[in-house]
Amino acid sequence: MLNYLWFFLAALFEIFGCYAFWLWLRMDRGAAWAVPGLLSLTLFALLLTRVEAAYAGRAYAAYGGIYIVASLLWLALVERSRPLASDWLGAGLCVLGAGIVLWGPRFNPA
């Protein structure tokens, strides 16, 4: 379960970092937004290394499901746009998939 905490925290920092660049480049809020964006993206990368996984690629693949949920929460709480029921259904399936990728059985061909 601790992996999900690391994934969620990493997602918040990644989303904020990307959103800072969105504010700068799409909303004309000024280049100063690049500084917190870069710091946030650095923290994202550091947090993602905390995940217990044998391979980085597997951790990144599993992270994708949590990122989707965090993005929908960001959409609702920060951007004040209500996600659709289909958004949540898709996110739930992605979280299920993330768990399978991270903790599913590993078969070694003989």
PDB file of N, CA and C in Angstrom:
ATOM      1  N   MET A   1       0.813  -1.205   0.000  1.00  0.00           N
ATOM      2  CA  MET A   1       0.000   0.000   0.000  1.00  0.00           C
ATOM      3  C   MET A   1       0.855   1.268   0.000  1.00  0.00           C
ATOM      4  N   LEU A   2       2.056   1.163   0.551  1.00  0.00           N
ATOM      5  CA  LEU A   2       2.931   2.335   0.565  1.00  0.00           C
ATOM      6  C   LEU A   2       3.270   2.773  -0.859  1.00  0.00           C
ATOM      7  N   ASN A   3       3.334   1.811  -1.780  1.00  0.00           N
ATOM      8  CA  ASN A   3       3.599   2.171  -3.172  1.00  0.00           C
ATOM      9  C   ASN A   3       2.548   3.130  -3.706  1.00  0.00           C
ATOM     10  N   TYR A   4       1.287   2.902  -3.362  1.00  0.00           N
ATOM     11  CA  TYR A   4       0.228   3.791  -3.845  1.00  0.00           C
ATOM     12  C   TYR A   4       0.402   5.208  -3.292  1.00  0.00           C
ATOM     13  N   LEU A   5       0.882   5.330  -2.065  1.00  0.00           N
ATOM     14  CA  LEU A   5       1.159   6.661  -1.509  1.00  0.00           C
ATOM     15  C   LEU A   5       2.253   7.353  -2.320  1.00  0.00           C
ATOM     16  N   TRP A   6       3.335   6.628  -2.604  1.00  0.00           N
ATOM     17  CA  TRP A   6       4.420   7.223  -3.407  1.00  0.00           C
ATOM     18  C   TRP A   6       3.917   7.609  -4.783  1.00  0.00           C
ATOM     19  N   PHE A   7       3.106   6.725  -5.383  1.00  0.00           N
ATOM     20  CA  PHE A   7       2.540   7.033  -6.697  1.00  0.00           C
ATOM     21  C   PHE A   7       1.682   8.293  -6.643  1.00  0.00           C
ATOM     22  N   PHE A   8       0.835   8.393  -5.638  1.00  0.00           N
ATOM     23  CA  PHE A   8      -0.076   9.538  -5.543  1.00  0.00           C
ATOM     24  C   PHE A   8       0.698  10.837  -5.331  1.00  0.00           C
ATOM     25  N   LEU A   9       1.674  10.822  -4.428  1.00  0.00           N
ATOM     26  CA  LEU A   9       2.484  12.027  -4.209  1.00  0.00           C
ATOM     27  C   LEU A   9       3.263  12.401  -5.470  1.00  0.00           C
ATOM     28  N   ALA A  10       3.832  11.413  -6.130  1.00  0.00           N
ATOM     29  CA  ALA A  10       4.553  11.681  -7.375  1.00  0.00           C
ATOM     30  C   ALA A  10       3.611  12.296  -8.406  1.00  0.00           C
ATOM     31  N   ALA A  11       2.399  11.769  -8.485  1.00  0.00           N
ATOM     32  CA  ALA A  11       1.431  12.291  -9.458  1.00  0.00           C
ATOM     33  C   ALA A  11       1.095  13.750  -9.170  1.00  0.00           C
ATOM     34  N   LEU A  12       0.908  14.092  -7.903  1.00  0.00           N
ATOM     35  CA  LEU A  12       0.598  15.490  -7.579  1.00  0.00           C
ATOM     36  C   LEU A  12       1.724  16.421  -8.010  1.00  0.00           C
ATOM     37  N   PHE A  13       2.953  16.009  -7.759  1.00  0.00           N
ATOM     38  CA  PHE A  13       4.080  16.861  -8.155  1.00  0.00           C
ATOM     39  C   PHE A  13       4.233  16.912  -9.670  1.00  0.00           C
ATOM     40  N   GLU A  14       3.985  15.805 -10.346  1.00  0.00           N
ATOM     41  CA  GLU A  14       4.080  15.822 -11.809  1.00  0.00           C
ATOM     42  C   GLU A  14       2.993  16.707 -12.412  1.00  0.00           C
ATOM     43  N   ILE A  15       1.779  16.557 -11.909  1.00  0.00           N
ATOM     44  CA  ILE A  15       0.675  17.363 -12.444  1.00  0.00           C
ATOM     45  C   ILE A  15       0.910  18.840 -12.184  1.00  0.00           C
ATOM     46  N   PHE A  16       1.336  19.189 -10.958  1.00  0.00           N
ATOM     47  CA  PHE A  16       1.610  20.601 -10.687  1.00  0.00           C
ATOM     48  C   PHE A  16       2.726  21.122 -11.588  1.00  0.00           C
ATOM     49  N   GLY A  17       3.785  20.324 -11.754  1.00  0.00           N
ATOM     50  CA  GLY A  17       4.895  20.758 -12.603  1.00  0.00           C
ATOM     51  C   GLY A  17       4.451  21.018 -14.028  1.00  0.00           C
ATOM     52  N   CYS A  18       3.666  20.110 -14.560  1.00  0.00           N
ATOM     53  CA  CYS A  18       3.164  20.303 -15.927  1.00  0.00           C
ATOM     54  C   CYS A  18       2.163  21.456 -15.988  1.00  0.00           C
ATOM     55  N   TYR A  19       1.352  21.583 -14.942  1.00  0.00           N
ATOM     56  CA  TYR A  19       0.368  22.669 -14.904  1.00  0.00           C
ATOM     57  C   TYR A  19       1.051  24.037 -14.856  1.00  0.00           C
ATOM     58  N   ALA A  20       2.199  24.110 -14.165  1.00  0.00           N
ATOM     59  CA  ALA A  20       2.947  25.366 -14.128  1.00  0.00           C
ATOM     60  C   ALA A  20       3.375  25.780 -15.535  1.00  0.00           C
ATOM     61  N   PHE A  21       3.827  24.813 -16.325  1.00  0.00           N
ATOM     62  CA  PHE A  21       4.178  25.120 -17.714  1.00  0.00           C
ATOM     63  C   PHE A  21       2.934  25.454 -18.533  1.00  0.00           C
ATOM     64  N   TRP A  22       1.829  24.805 -18.239  1.00  0.00           N
ATOM     65  CA  TRP A  22       0.547  25.119 -18.901  1.00  0.00           C
ATOM     66  C   TRP A  22       0.175  26.570 -18.630  1.00  0.00           C
ATOM     67  N   LEU A  23       0.306  26.990 -17.362  1.00  0.00           N
ATOM     68  CA  LEU A  23      -0.011  28.380 -17.015  1.00  0.00           C
ATOM     69  C   LEU A  23       0.889  29.346 -17.777  1.00  0.00           C
ATOM     70  N   TRP A  24       2.166  29.024 -17.866  1.00  0.00           N
ATOM     71  CA  TRP A  24       3.105  29.893 -18.559  1.00  0.00           C
ATOM     72  C   TRP A  24       2.825  29.938 -20.055  1.00  0.00           C
ATOM     73  N   LEU A  25       2.747  28.780 -20.690  1.00  0.00           N
ATOM     74  CA  LEU A  25       2.715  28.743 -22.148  1.00  0.00           C
ATOM     75  C   LEU A  25       1.319  28.825 -22.755  1.00  0.00           C
ATOM     76  N   ARG A  26       0.307  28.416 -22.022  1.00  0.00           N
ATOM     77  CA  ARG A  26      -1.049  28.430 -22.575  1.00  0.00           C
ATOM     78  C   ARG A  26      -1.924  29.530 -21.991  1.00  0.00           C
ATOM     79  N   MET A  27      -1.589  29.966 -20.773  1.00  0.00           N
ATOM     80  CA  MET A  27      -2.420  30.955 -20.099  1.00  0.00           C
ATOM     81  C   MET A  27      -1.704  32.305 -19.937  1.00  0.00           C
ATOM     82  N   ASP A  28      -0.492  32.422 -20.528  1.00  0.00           N
ATOM     83  CA  ASP A  28       0.283  33.676 -20.509  1.00  0.00           C
ATOM     84  C   ASP A  28       0.497  34.232 -19.102  1.00  0.00           C
ATOM     85  N   ARG A  29       0.848  33.351 -18.172  1.00  0.00           N
ATOM     86  CA  ARG A  29       1.073  33.787 -16.792  1.00  0.00           C
ATOM     87  C   ARG A  29       2.514  34.189 -16.506  1.00  0.00           C
ATOM     88  N   GLY A  30       3.399  34.060 -17.457  1.00  0.00           N
ATOM     89  CA  GLY A  30       4.781  34.485 -17.263  1.00  0.00           C
ATOM     90  C   GLY A  30       5.742  33.317 -17.131  1.00  0.00           C
ATOM     91  N   ALA A  31       6.965  33.551 -17.590  1.00  0.00           N
ATOM     92  CA  ALA A  31       7.998  32.519 -17.592  1.00  0.00           C
ATOM     93  C   ALA A  31       8.432  32.122 -16.186  1.00  0.00           C
ATOM     94  N   ALA A  32       8.155  32.940 -15.189  1.00  0.00           N
ATOM     95  CA  ALA A  32       8.530  32.606 -13.813  1.00  0.00           C
ATOM     96  C   ALA A  32       7.877  31.302 -13.358  1.00  0.00           C
ATOM     97  N   TRP A  33       6.792  30.888 -13.990  1.00  0.00           N
ATOM     98  CA  TRP A  33       6.125  29.628 -13.640  1.00  0.00           C
ATOM     99  C   TRP A  33       7.004  28.423 -13.964  1.00  0.00           C
ATOM    100  N   ALA A  34       8.020  28.604 -14.800  1.00  0.00           N
ATOM    101  CA  ALA A  34       8.907  27.487 -15.134  1.00  0.00           C
ATOM    102  C   ALA A  34       9.710  27.032 -13.917  1.00  0.00           C
ATOM    103  N   VAL A  35      10.033  27.939 -13.019  1.00  0.00           N
ATOM    104  CA  VAL A  35      10.854  27.591 -11.848  1.00  0.00           C
ATOM    105  C   VAL A  35      10.125  26.609 -10.925  1.00  0.00           C
ATOM    106  N   PRO A  36       8.915  26.935 -10.437  1.00  0.00           N
ATOM    107  CA  PRO A  36       8.235  25.932  -9.607  1.00  0.00           C
ATOM    108  C   PRO A  36       7.879  24.676 -10.407  1.00  0.00           C
ATOM    109  N   GLY A  37       7.668  24.840 -11.705  1.00  0.00           N
ATOM    110  CA  GLY A  37       7.396  23.676 -12.538  1.00  0.00           C
ATOM    111  C   GLY A  37       8.563  22.709 -12.559  1.00  0.00           C
ATOM    112  N   LEU A  38       9.760  23.225 -12.753  1.00  0.00           N
ATOM    113  CA  LEU A  38      10.949  22.376 -12.775  1.00  0.00           C
ATOM    114  C   LEU A  38      11.230  21.749 -11.417  1.00  0.00           C
ATOM    115  N   LEU A  39      11.062  22.515 -10.352  1.00  0.00           N
ATOM    116  CA  LEU A  39      11.259  21.967  -9.005  1.00  0.00           C
ATOM    117  C   LEU A  39      10.256  20.849  -8.724  1.00  0.00           C
ATOM    118  N   SER A  40       9.030  21.071  -9.103  1.00  0.00           N
ATOM    119  CA  SER A  40       7.991  20.074  -8.874  1.00  0.00           C
ATOM    120  C   SER A  40       8.250  18.803  -9.679  1.00  0.00           C
ATOM    121  N   LEU A  41       8.679  18.953 -10.926  1.00  0.00           N
ATOM    122  CA  LEU A  41       8.978  17.781 -11.743  1.00  0.00           C
ATOM    123  C   LEU A  41      10.183  17.012 -11.216  1.00  0.00           C
ATOM    124  N   THR A  42      11.125  17.716 -10.606  1.00  0.00           N
ATOM    125  CA  THR A  42      12.263  17.051  -9.977  1.00  0.00           C
ATOM    126  C   THR A  42      11.800  16.225  -8.780  1.00  0.00           C
ATOM    127  N   LEU A  43      10.924  16.797  -7.952  1.00  0.00           N
ATOM    128  CA  LEU A  43      10.388  16.051  -6.812  1.00  0.00           C
ATOM    129  C   LEU A  43       9.578  14.842  -7.274  1.00  0.00           C
ATOM    130  N   PHE A  44       8.843  15.002  -8.363  1.00  0.00           N
ATOM    131  CA  PHE A  44       8.105  13.880  -8.944  1.00  0.00           C
ATOM    132  C   PHE A  44       9.047  12.712  -9.230  1.00  0.00           C
ATOM    133  N   ALA A  45      10.145  13.000  -9.911  1.00  0.00           N
ATOM    134  CA  ALA A  45      11.086  11.944 -10.284  1.00  0.00           C
ATOM    135  C   ALA A  45      11.699  11.290  -9.046  1.00  0.00           C
ATOM    136  N   LEU A  46      12.032  12.088  -8.056  1.00  0.00           N
ATOM    137  CA  LEU A  46      12.609  11.538  -6.823  1.00  0.00           C
ATOM    138  C   LEU A  46      11.609  10.658  -6.086  1.00  0.00           C
ATOM    139  N   LEU A  47      10.365  11.090  -6.006  1.00  0.00           N
ATOM    140  CA  LEU A  47       9.344  10.300  -5.316  1.00  0.00           C
ATOM    141  C   LEU A  47       9.069   8.979  -6.017  1.00  0.00           C
ATOM    142  N   LEU A  48       9.116   8.979  -7.319  1.00  0.00           N
ATOM    143  CA  LEU A  48       8.835   7.752  -8.055  1.00  0.00           C
ATOM    144  C   LEU A  48       9.900   6.681  -7.806  1.00  0.00           C
ATOM    145  N   THR A  49      11.101   7.097  -7.395  1.00  0.00           N
ATOM    146  CA  THR A  49      12.140   6.113  -7.092  1.00  0.00           C
ATOM    147  C   THR A  49      11.887   5.405  -5.765  1.00  0.00           C
ATOM    148  N   ARG A  50      10.945   5.876  -4.977  1.00  0.00           N
ATOM    149  CA  ARG A  50      10.630   5.257  -3.685  1.00  0.00           C
ATOM    150  C   ARG A  50       9.777   3.998  -3.825  1.00  0.00           C
ATOM    151  N   VAL A  51       9.210   3.786  -4.983  1.00  0.00           N
ATOM    152  CA  VAL A  51       8.325   2.651  -5.215  1.00  0.00           C
ATOM    153  C   VAL A  51       9.112   1.343  -5.156  1.00  0.00           C
ATOM    154  N   GLU A  52       8.551   0.354  -4.457  1.00  0.00           N
ATOM    155  CA  GLU A  52       9.168  -0.969  -4.381  1.00  0.00           C
ATOM    156  C   GLU A  52       8.812  -1.757  -5.627  1.00  0.00           C
ATOM    157  N   ALA A  53       9.739  -1.846  -6.539  1.00  0.00           N
ATOM    158  CA  ALA A  53       9.559  -2.621  -7.766  1.00  0.00           C
ATOM    159  C   ALA A  53      10.940  -3.065  -8.235  1.00  0.00           C
ATOM    160  N   ALA A  54      10.989  -4.244  -8.820  1.00  0.00           N
ATOM    161  CA  ALA A  54      12.275  -4.765  -9.282  1.00  0.00           C
ATOM    162  C   ALA A  54      12.801  -4.017 -10.508  1.00  0.00           C
ATOM    163  N   TYR A  55      11.885  -3.459 -11.304  1.00  0.00           N
ATOM    164  CA  TYR A  55      12.281  -2.785 -12.539  1.00  0.00           C
ATOM    165  C   TYR A  55      11.599  -1.432 -12.644  1.00  0.00           C
ATOM    166  N   ALA A  56      12.331  -0.447 -13.101  1.00  0.00           N
ATOM    167  CA  ALA A  56      11.787   0.900 -13.247  1.00  0.00           C
ATOM    168  C   ALA A  56      10.614   0.924 -14.216  1.00  0.00           C
ATOM    169  N   GLY A  57      10.734   0.214 -15.328  1.00  0.00           N
ATOM    170  CA  GLY A  57       9.658   0.205 -16.325  1.00  0.00           C
ATOM    171  C   GLY A  57       8.338  -0.294 -15.756  1.00  0.00           C
ATOM    172  N   ARG A  58       8.400  -1.312 -14.904  1.00  0.00           N
ATOM    173  CA  ARG A  58       7.184  -1.827 -14.280  1.00  0.00           C
ATOM    174  C   ARG A  58       6.602  -0.787 -13.313  1.00  0.00           C
ATOM    175  N   ALA A  59       7.444  -0.108 -12.570  1.00  0.00           N
ATOM    176  CA  ALA A  59       6.967   0.931 -11.656  1.00  0.00           C
ATOM    177  C   ALA A  59       6.309   2.064 -12.442  1.00  0.00           C
ATOM    178  N   TYR A  60       6.916   2.462 -13.553  1.00  0.00           N
ATOM    179  CA  TYR A  60       6.350   3.553 -14.356  1.00  0.00           C
ATOM    180  C   TYR A  60       5.018   3.145 -14.981  1.00  0.00           C
ATOM    181  N   ALA A  61       4.930   1.904 -15.423  1.00  0.00           N
ATOM    182  CA  ALA A  61       3.681   1.427 -16.017  1.00  0.00           C
ATOM    183  C   ALA A  61       2.564   1.416 -14.988  1.00  0.00           C
ATOM    184  N   ALA A  62       2.864   0.927 -13.792  1.00  0.00           N
ATOM    185  CA  ALA A  62       1.856   0.900 -12.731  1.00  0.00           C
ATOM    186  C   ALA A  62       1.479   2.312 -12.303  1.00  0.00           C
ATOM    187  N   TYR A  63       2.437   3.203 -12.286  1.00  0.00           N
ATOM    188  CA  TYR A  63       2.195   4.593 -11.905  1.00  0.00           C
ATOM    189  C   TYR A  63       1.140   5.258 -12.796  1.00  0.00           C
ATOM    190  N   GLY A  64       1.091   4.862 -14.049  1.00  0.00           N
ATOM    191  CA  GLY A  64       0.154   5.466 -14.996  1.00  0.00           C
ATOM    192  C   GLY A  64      -1.283   5.433 -14.508  1.00  0.00           C
ATOM    193  N   GLY A  65      -1.698   4.345 -13.888  1.00  0.00           N
ATOM    194  CA  GLY A  65      -3.070   4.253 -13.379  1.00  0.00           C
ATOM    195  C   GLY A  65      -3.351   5.264 -12.277  1.00  0.00           C
ATOM    196  N   ILE A  66      -2.408   5.430 -11.383  1.00  0.00           N
ATOM    197  CA  ILE A  66      -2.586   6.381 -10.284  1.00  0.00           C
ATOM    198  C   ILE A  66      -2.555   7.813 -10.818  1.00  0.00           C
ATOM    199  N   TYR A  67      -1.717   8.054 -11.806  1.00  0.00           N
ATOM    200  CA  TYR A  67      -1.637   9.377 -12.421  1.00  0.00           C
ATOM    201  C   TYR A  67      -2.991   9.784 -12.999  1.00  0.00           C
ATOM    202  N   ILE A  68      -3.685   8.847 -13.604  1.00  0.00           N
ATOM    203  CA  ILE A  68      -4.989   9.153 -14.191  1.00  0.00           C
ATOM    204  C   ILE A  68      -5.977   9.589 -13.120  1.00  0.00           C
ATOM    205  N   VAL A  69      -6.020   8.883 -12.001  1.00  0.00           N
ATOM    206  CA  VAL A  69      -6.926   9.256 -10.902  1.00  0.00           C
ATOM    207  C   VAL A  69      -6.556  10.633 -10.367  1.00  0.00           C
ATOM    208  N   ALA A  70      -5.272  10.865 -10.136  1.00  0.00           N
ATOM    209  CA  ALA A  70      -4.822  12.159  -9.625  1.00  0.00           C
ATOM    210  C   ALA A  70      -5.157  13.282 -10.607  1.00  0.00           C
ATOM    211  N   SER A  71      -5.060  13.004 -11.897  1.00  0.00           N
ATOM    212  CA  SER A  71      -5.398  14.016 -12.904  1.00  0.00           C
ATOM    213  C   SER A  71      -6.873  14.380 -12.858  1.00  0.00           C
ATOM    214  N   LEU A  72      -7.726  13.394 -12.645  1.00  0.00           N
ATOM    215  CA  LEU A  72      -9.159  13.687 -12.537  1.00  0.00           C
ATOM    216  C   LEU A  72      -9.472  14.470 -11.265  1.00  0.00           C
ATOM    217  N   LEU A  73      -8.778  14.158 -10.178  1.00  0.00           N
ATOM    218  CA  LEU A  73      -8.955  14.943  -8.946  1.00  0.00           C
ATOM    219  C   LEU A  73      -8.487  16.375  -9.160  1.00  0.00           C
ATOM    220  N   TRP A  74      -7.378  16.541  -9.867  1.00  0.00           N
ATOM    221  CA  TRP A  74      -6.875  17.884 -10.200  1.00  0.00           C
ATOM    222  C   TRP A  74      -7.912  18.634 -11.032  1.00  0.00           C
ATOM    223  N   LEU A  75      -8.460  17.952 -12.023  1.00  0.00           N
ATOM    224  CA  LEU A  75      -9.494  18.541 -12.869  1.00  0.00           C
ATOM    225  C   LEU A  75     -10.650  19.060 -12.021  1.00  0.00           C
ATOM    226  N   ALA A  76     -11.077  18.263 -11.063  1.00  0.00           N
ATOM    227  CA  ALA A  76     -12.221  18.628 -10.223  1.00  0.00           C
ATOM    228  C   ALA A  76     -11.875  19.718  -9.214  1.00  0.00           C
ATOM    229  N   LEU A  77     -10.752  19.579  -8.523  1.00  0.00           N
ATOM    230  CA  LEU A  77     -10.446  20.477  -7.407  1.00  0.00           C
ATOM    231  C   LEU A  77      -9.756  21.776  -7.818  1.00  0.00           C
ATOM    232  N   VAL A  78      -8.862  21.707  -8.779  1.00  0.00           N
ATOM    233  CA  VAL A  78      -8.097  22.894  -9.172  1.00  0.00           C
ATOM    234  C   VAL A  78      -8.756  23.615 -10.345  1.00  0.00           C
ATOM    235  N   GLU A  79      -9.131  22.830 -11.350  1.00  0.00           N
ATOM    236  CA  GLU A  79      -9.696  23.450 -12.542  1.00  0.00           C
ATOM    237  C   GLU A  79     -11.216  23.585 -12.480  1.00  0.00           C
ATOM    238  N   ARG A  80     -11.805  23.050 -11.426  1.00  0.00           N
ATOM    239  CA  ARG A  80     -13.251  23.190 -11.169  1.00  0.00           C
ATOM    240  C   ARG A  80     -14.118  22.713 -12.340  1.00  0.00           C
ATOM    241  N   SER A  81     -13.732  21.560 -12.890  1.00  0.00           N
ATOM    242  CA  SER A  81     -14.506  20.934 -13.944  1.00  0.00           C
ATOM    243  C   SER A  81     -14.835  19.515 -13.496  1.00  0.00           C
ATOM    244  N   ARG A  82     -16.085  19.179 -13.489  1.00  0.00           N
ATOM    245  CA  ARG A  82     -16.524  17.900 -12.939  1.00  0.00           C
ATOM    246  C   ARG A  82     -16.233  16.745 -13.903  1.00  0.00           C
ATOM    247  N   PRO A  83     -15.434  15.753 -13.430  1.00  0.00           N
ATOM    248  CA  PRO A  83     -15.193  14.576 -14.271  1.00  0.00           C
ATOM    249  C   PRO A  83     -16.497  13.790 -14.480  1.00  0.00           C
ATOM    250  N   LEU A  84     -16.600  13.137 -15.608  1.00  0.00           N
ATOM    251  CA  LEU A  84     -17.764  12.334 -15.935  1.00  0.00           C
ATOM    252  C   LEU A  84     -17.682  10.970 -15.253  1.00  0.00           C
ATOM    253  N   ALA A  85     -18.830  10.305 -15.151  1.00  0.00           N
ATOM    254  CA  ALA A  85     -18.846   8.956 -14.584  1.00  0.00           C
ATOM    255  C   ALA A  85     -17.945   8.027 -15.394  1.00  0.00           C
ATOM    256  N   SER A  86     -17.947   8.195 -16.698  1.00  0.00           N
ATOM    257  CA  SER A  86     -17.085   7.363 -17.544  1.00  0.00           C
ATOM    258  C   SER A  86     -15.603   7.635 -17.277  1.00  0.00           C
ATOM    259  N   ASP A  87     -15.273   8.875 -16.892  1.00  0.00           N
ATOM    260  CA  ASP A  87     -13.889   9.180 -16.514  1.00  0.00           C
ATOM    261  C   ASP A  87     -13.488   8.338 -15.303  1.00  0.00           C
ATOM    262  N   TRP A  88     -14.359   8.299 -14.295  1.00  0.00           N
ATOM    263  CA  TRP A  88     -14.060   7.559 -13.070  1.00  0.00           C
ATOM    264  C   TRP A  88     -14.022   6.049 -13.321  1.00  0.00           C
ATOM    265  N   LEU A  89     -14.904   5.558 -14.171  1.00  0.00           N
ATOM    266  CA  LEU A  89     -14.891   4.139 -14.503  1.00  0.00           C
ATOM    267  C   LEU A  89     -13.564   3.768 -15.176  1.00  0.00           C
ATOM    268  N   GLY A  90     -13.167   4.572 -16.138  1.00  0.00           N
ATOM    269  CA  GLY A  90     -11.891   4.324 -16.808  1.00  0.00           C
ATOM    270  C   GLY A  90     -10.717   4.405 -15.842  1.00  0.00           C
ATOM    271  N   ALA A  91     -10.748   5.373 -14.938  1.00  0.00           N
ATOM    272  CA  ALA A  91      -9.674   5.518 -13.954  1.00  0.00           C
ATOM    273  C   ALA A  91      -9.619   4.302 -13.030  1.00  0.00           C
ATOM    274  N   GLY A  92     -10.788   3.814 -12.620  1.00  0.00           N
ATOM    275  CA  GLY A  92     -10.829   2.628 -11.758  1.00  0.00           C
ATOM    276  C   GLY A  92     -10.223   1.410 -12.445  1.00  0.00           C
ATOM    277  N   LEU A  93     -10.530   1.246 -13.715  1.00  0.00           N
ATOM    278  CA  LEU A  93      -9.940   0.142 -14.469  1.00  0.00           C
ATOM    279  C   LEU A  93      -8.422   0.292 -14.574  1.00  0.00           C
ATOM    280  N   CYS A  94      -7.973   1.529 -14.721  1.00  0.00           N
ATOM    281  CA  CYS A  94      -6.528   1.772 -14.799  1.00  0.00           C
ATOM    282  C   CYS A  94      -5.834   1.457 -13.479  1.00  0.00           C
ATOM    283  N   VAL A  95      -6.470   1.781 -12.355  1.00  0.00           N
ATOM    284  CA  VAL A  95      -5.885   1.472 -11.051  1.00  0.00           C
ATOM    285  C   VAL A  95      -5.815  -0.045 -10.867  1.00  0.00           C
ATOM    286  N   LEU A  96      -6.861  -0.741 -11.279  1.00  0.00           N
ATOM    287  CA  LEU A  96      -6.842  -2.199 -11.224  1.00  0.00           C
ATOM    288  C   LEU A  96      -5.679  -2.735 -12.066  1.00  0.00           C
ATOM    289  N   GLY A  97      -5.541  -2.207 -13.256  1.00  0.00           N
ATOM    290  CA  GLY A  97      -4.434  -2.606 -14.118  1.00  0.00           C
ATOM    291  C   GLY A  97      -3.081  -2.284 -13.502  1.00  0.00           C
ATOM    292  N   ALA A  98      -2.980  -1.134 -12.843  1.00  0.00           N
ATOM    293  CA  ALA A  98      -1.725  -0.752 -12.195  1.00  0.00           C
ATOM    294  C   ALA A  98      -1.348  -1.775 -11.124  1.00  0.00           C
ATOM    295  N   GLY A  99      -2.325  -2.224 -10.363  1.00  0.00           N
ATOM    296  CA  GLY A  99      -2.064  -3.235  -9.340  1.00  0.00           C
ATOM    297  C   GLY A  99      -1.608  -4.550  -9.948  1.00  0.00           C
ATOM    298  N   ILE A 100      -2.222  -4.932 -11.045  1.00  0.00           N
ATOM    299  CA  ILE A 100      -1.829  -6.178 -11.722  1.00  0.00           C
ATOM    300  C   ILE A 100      -0.401  -6.074 -12.251  1.00  0.00           C
ATOM    301  N   VAL A 101      -0.073  -4.949 -12.848  1.00  0.00           N
ATOM    302  CA  VAL A 101       1.285  -4.758 -13.371  1.00  0.00           C
ATOM    303  C   VAL A 101       2.306  -4.818 -12.233  1.00  0.00           C
ATOM    304  N   LEU A 102       2.006  -4.175 -11.125  1.00  0.00           N
ATOM    305  CA  LEU A 102       2.979  -4.062 -10.041  1.00  0.00           C
ATOM    306  C   LEU A 102       3.085  -5.340  -9.219  1.00  0.00           C
ATOM    307  N   TRP A 103       1.940  -5.966  -8.914  1.00  0.00           N
ATOM    308  CA  TRP A 103       1.958  -7.098  -7.995  1.00  0.00           C
ATOM    309  C   TRP A 103       1.503  -8.417  -8.600  1.00  0.00           C
ATOM    310  N   GLY A 104       1.236  -8.443  -9.875  1.00  0.00           N
ATOM    311  CA  GLY A 104       0.784  -9.677 -10.508  1.00  0.00           C
ATOM    312  C   GLY A 104       1.833 -10.765 -10.477  1.00  0.00           C
ATOM    313  N   PRO A 105       1.399 -12.007 -10.656  1.00  0.00           N
ATOM    314  CA  PRO A 105       2.359 -13.112 -10.641  1.00  0.00           C
ATOM    315  C   PRO A 105       3.351 -13.009 -11.803  1.00  0.00           C
ATOM    316  N   ARG A 106       4.536 -13.452 -11.554  1.00  0.00           N
ATOM    317  CA  ARG A 106       5.600 -13.412 -12.545  1.00  0.00           C
ATOM    318  C   ARG A 106       5.865 -14.834 -13.011  1.00  0.00           C
ATOM    319  N   PHE A 107       5.674 -15.086 -14.276  1.00  0.00           N
ATOM    320  CA  PHE A 107       5.913 -16.413 -14.826  1.00  0.00           C
ATOM    321  C   PHE A 107       7.230 -16.397 -15.582  1.00  0.00           C
ATOM    322  N   ASN A 108       8.050 -17.360 -15.301  1.00  0.00           N
ATOM    323  CA  ASN A 108       9.331 -17.489 -15.999  1.00  0.00           C
ATOM    324  C   ASN A 108       9.235 -18.679 -16.937  1.00  0.00           C
ATOM    325  N   PRO A 109       9.304 -18.444 -18.253  1.00  0.00           N
ATOM    326  CA  PRO A 109       9.240 -19.570 -19.182  1.00  0.00           C
ATOM    327  C   PRO A 109      10.420 -20.526 -18.979  1.00  0.00           C
ATOM    328  N   ALA A 110      10.142 -21.787 -19.077  1.00  0.00           N
ATOM    329  CA  ALA A 110      11.184 -22.810 -18.850  1.00  0.00           C
ATOM    330  C   ALA A 110      12.126 -22.924 -20.015  1.00  0.00           C
TER     331      ALA A 110
END
